[in-house]
Amino acid sequence: MLKWALIFFVISIIAGVFGFTGISAAASGIARILFFIAVVVFLIFLVLAVMAGQAIL
């Protein structure tokens, strides 16, 4: 997901440079949403890993 967030971020930057502000804003919004989803998934897996590690001990 971070890969797609980075791709949309780059599209947003390039579109902004060429003056396509609507496309830039849309790509930026998509990149932001994908980034936050990736962070939430990371935190869920981190909590699950810590809980599994405690269950083994």
N, C-alpha and C. Protein backbone atom coordinates (compact mmCIF):
# COMPACT_ATOMS: atom_id res chain seq x y z
N MET A 1 0.81 -1.19 0.00
CA MET A 1 0.00 0.00 0.00
C MET A 1 0.86 1.26 0.00
N LEU A 2 1.97 1.17 0.68
CA LEU A 2 2.86 2.33 0.67
C LEU A 2 3.40 2.60 -0.72
N LYS A 3 3.58 1.54 -1.50
CA LYS A 3 4.04 1.72 -2.87
C LYS A 3 3.03 2.53 -3.67
N TRP A 4 1.75 2.19 -3.54
CA TRP A 4 0.71 2.91 -4.26
C TRP A 4 0.57 4.34 -3.75
N ALA A 5 0.74 4.53 -2.44
CA ALA A 5 0.68 5.88 -1.89
C ALA A 5 1.81 6.74 -2.46
N LEU A 6 2.99 6.14 -2.59
CA LEU A 6 4.12 6.87 -3.16
C LEU A 6 3.88 7.18 -4.64
N ILE A 7 3.30 6.24 -5.37
CA ILE A 7 3.00 6.47 -6.78
C ILE A 7 2.02 7.62 -6.95
N PHE A 8 0.95 7.63 -6.14
CA PHE A 8 -0.01 8.73 -6.23
C PHE A 8 0.60 10.05 -5.79
N PHE A 9 1.51 10.01 -4.83
CA PHE A 9 2.20 11.23 -4.40
C PHE A 9 3.04 11.80 -5.54
N VAL A 10 3.75 10.94 -6.23
CA VAL A 10 4.57 11.39 -7.36
C VAL A 10 3.68 11.94 -8.48
N ILE A 11 2.55 11.27 -8.74
CA ILE A 11 1.61 11.79 -9.74
C ILE A 11 1.10 13.16 -9.33
N SER A 12 0.83 13.32 -8.06
CA SER A 12 0.35 14.61 -7.55
C SER A 12 1.40 15.70 -7.74
N ILE A 13 2.64 15.40 -7.45
CA ILE A 13 3.72 16.39 -7.62
C ILE A 13 3.88 16.76 -9.09
N ILE A 14 3.90 15.76 -9.96
CA ILE A 14 4.09 16.03 -11.39
C ILE A 14 2.90 16.82 -11.94
N ALA A 15 1.68 16.45 -11.54
CA ALA A 15 0.50 17.18 -12.01
C ALA A 15 0.51 18.61 -11.51
N GLY A 16 0.97 18.82 -10.29
CA GLY A 16 1.07 20.17 -9.74
C GLY A 16 2.08 21.02 -10.49
N VAL A 17 3.19 20.41 -10.87
CA VAL A 17 4.21 21.15 -11.62
C VAL A 17 3.67 21.61 -12.97
N PHE A 18 2.88 20.76 -13.62
CA PHE A 18 2.34 21.10 -14.93
C PHE A 18 1.05 21.91 -14.87
N GLY A 19 0.56 22.19 -13.66
CA GLY A 19 -0.59 23.06 -13.51
C GLY A 19 -1.94 22.37 -13.47
N PHE A 20 -1.96 21.07 -13.40
CA PHE A 20 -3.22 20.33 -13.31
C PHE A 20 -3.60 20.21 -11.83
N THR A 21 -4.18 21.28 -11.29
CA THR A 21 -4.42 21.32 -9.85
C THR A 21 -5.50 20.34 -9.41
N GLY A 22 -6.51 20.13 -10.25
CA GLY A 22 -7.57 19.19 -9.89
C GLY A 22 -7.05 17.77 -9.77
N ILE A 23 -6.27 17.37 -10.74
CA ILE A 23 -5.67 16.03 -10.70
C ILE A 23 -4.69 15.92 -9.54
N SER A 24 -3.95 16.98 -9.30
CA SER A 24 -2.99 16.99 -8.21
C SER A 24 -3.68 16.83 -6.86
N ALA A 25 -4.77 17.53 -6.67
CA ALA A 25 -5.50 17.44 -5.41
C ALA A 25 -6.12 16.05 -5.22
N ALA A 26 -6.65 15.49 -6.29
CA ALA A 26 -7.25 14.16 -6.20
C ALA A 26 -6.19 13.11 -5.89
N ALA A 27 -5.06 13.17 -6.58
CA ALA A 27 -3.98 12.20 -6.34
C ALA A 27 -3.42 12.36 -4.94
N SER A 28 -3.34 13.59 -4.46
CA SER A 28 -2.86 13.83 -3.10
C SER A 28 -3.82 13.23 -2.07
N GLY A 29 -5.11 13.39 -2.30
CA GLY A 29 -6.10 12.81 -1.39
C GLY A 29 -6.03 11.30 -1.36
N ILE A 30 -5.89 10.69 -2.52
CA ILE A 30 -5.78 9.23 -2.60
C ILE A 30 -4.51 8.76 -1.89
N ALA A 31 -3.40 9.46 -2.12
CA ALA A 31 -2.14 9.09 -1.47
C ALA A 31 -2.26 9.20 0.05
N ARG A 32 -2.92 10.24 0.53
CA ARG A 32 -3.09 10.42 1.97
C ARG A 32 -3.92 9.30 2.57
N ILE A 33 -5.01 8.93 1.90
CA ILE A 33 -5.87 7.85 2.40
C ILE A 33 -5.11 6.53 2.43
N LEU A 34 -4.40 6.22 1.35
CA LEU A 34 -3.64 4.97 1.30
C LEU A 34 -2.55 4.93 2.37
N PHE A 35 -1.91 6.08 2.62
CA PHE A 35 -0.87 6.12 3.64
C PHE A 35 -1.45 5.84 5.02
N PHE A 36 -2.58 6.45 5.34
CA PHE A 36 -3.17 6.23 6.66
C PHE A 36 -3.70 4.81 6.82
N ILE A 37 -4.21 4.22 5.75
CA ILE A 37 -4.63 2.82 5.82
C ILE A 37 -3.42 1.93 6.06
N ALA A 38 -2.30 2.21 5.40
CA ALA A 38 -1.09 1.42 5.59
C ALA A 38 -0.58 1.56 7.03
N VAL A 39 -0.65 2.75 7.60
CA VAL A 39 -0.21 2.95 8.98
C VAL A 39 -1.11 2.18 9.94
N VAL A 40 -2.42 2.19 9.71
CA VAL A 40 -3.34 1.46 10.58
C VAL A 40 -3.09 -0.04 10.49
N VAL A 41 -2.90 -0.55 9.29
CA VAL A 41 -2.61 -1.98 9.12
C VAL A 41 -1.29 -2.34 9.80
N PHE A 42 -0.28 -1.48 9.69
CA PHE A 42 0.99 -1.72 10.36
C PHE A 42 0.82 -1.78 11.87
N LEU A 43 0.05 -0.86 12.43
CA LEU A 43 -0.16 -0.84 13.88
C LEU A 43 -0.93 -2.07 14.35
N ILE A 44 -1.91 -2.51 13.56
CA ILE A 44 -2.65 -3.72 13.92
C ILE A 44 -1.72 -4.93 13.94
N PHE A 45 -0.90 -5.06 12.91
CA PHE A 45 0.04 -6.19 12.88
C PHE A 45 1.08 -6.09 13.98
N LEU A 46 1.48 -4.89 14.33
CA LEU A 46 2.44 -4.71 15.42
C LEU A 46 1.84 -5.17 16.74
N VAL A 47 0.61 -4.79 17.01
CA VAL A 47 -0.06 -5.21 18.24
C VAL A 47 -0.24 -6.73 18.26
N LEU A 48 -0.64 -7.31 17.14
CA LEU A 48 -0.81 -8.75 17.06
C LEU A 48 0.51 -9.48 17.29
N ALA A 49 1.60 -8.95 16.76
CA ALA A 49 2.92 -9.57 16.94
C ALA A 49 3.35 -9.51 18.41
N VAL A 50 3.09 -8.39 19.05
CA VAL A 50 3.45 -8.26 20.47
C VAL A 50 2.62 -9.22 21.30
N MET A 51 1.34 -9.34 21.00
CA MET A 51 0.48 -10.26 21.75
C MET A 51 0.89 -11.70 21.50
N ALA A 52 1.28 -12.05 20.30
CA ALA A 52 1.71 -13.42 20.00
C ALA A 52 3.03 -13.71 20.71
N GLY A 53 3.91 -12.73 20.77
CA GLY A 53 5.18 -12.91 21.46
C GLY A 53 4.99 -13.13 22.93
N GLN A 54 4.03 -12.45 23.54
CA GLN A 54 3.76 -12.64 24.96
C GLN A 54 3.08 -13.99 25.22
N ALA A 55 2.30 -14.46 24.27
CA ALA A 55 1.61 -15.74 24.44
C ALA A 55 2.61 -16.89 24.42
N ILE A 56 3.70 -16.74 23.67
CA ILE A 56 4.69 -17.80 23.59
C ILE A 56 5.47 -17.90 24.90
N LEU A 57 5.76 -16.77 25.50
CA LEU A 57 6.51 -16.76 26.75
C LEU A 57 5.59 -17.09 27.86
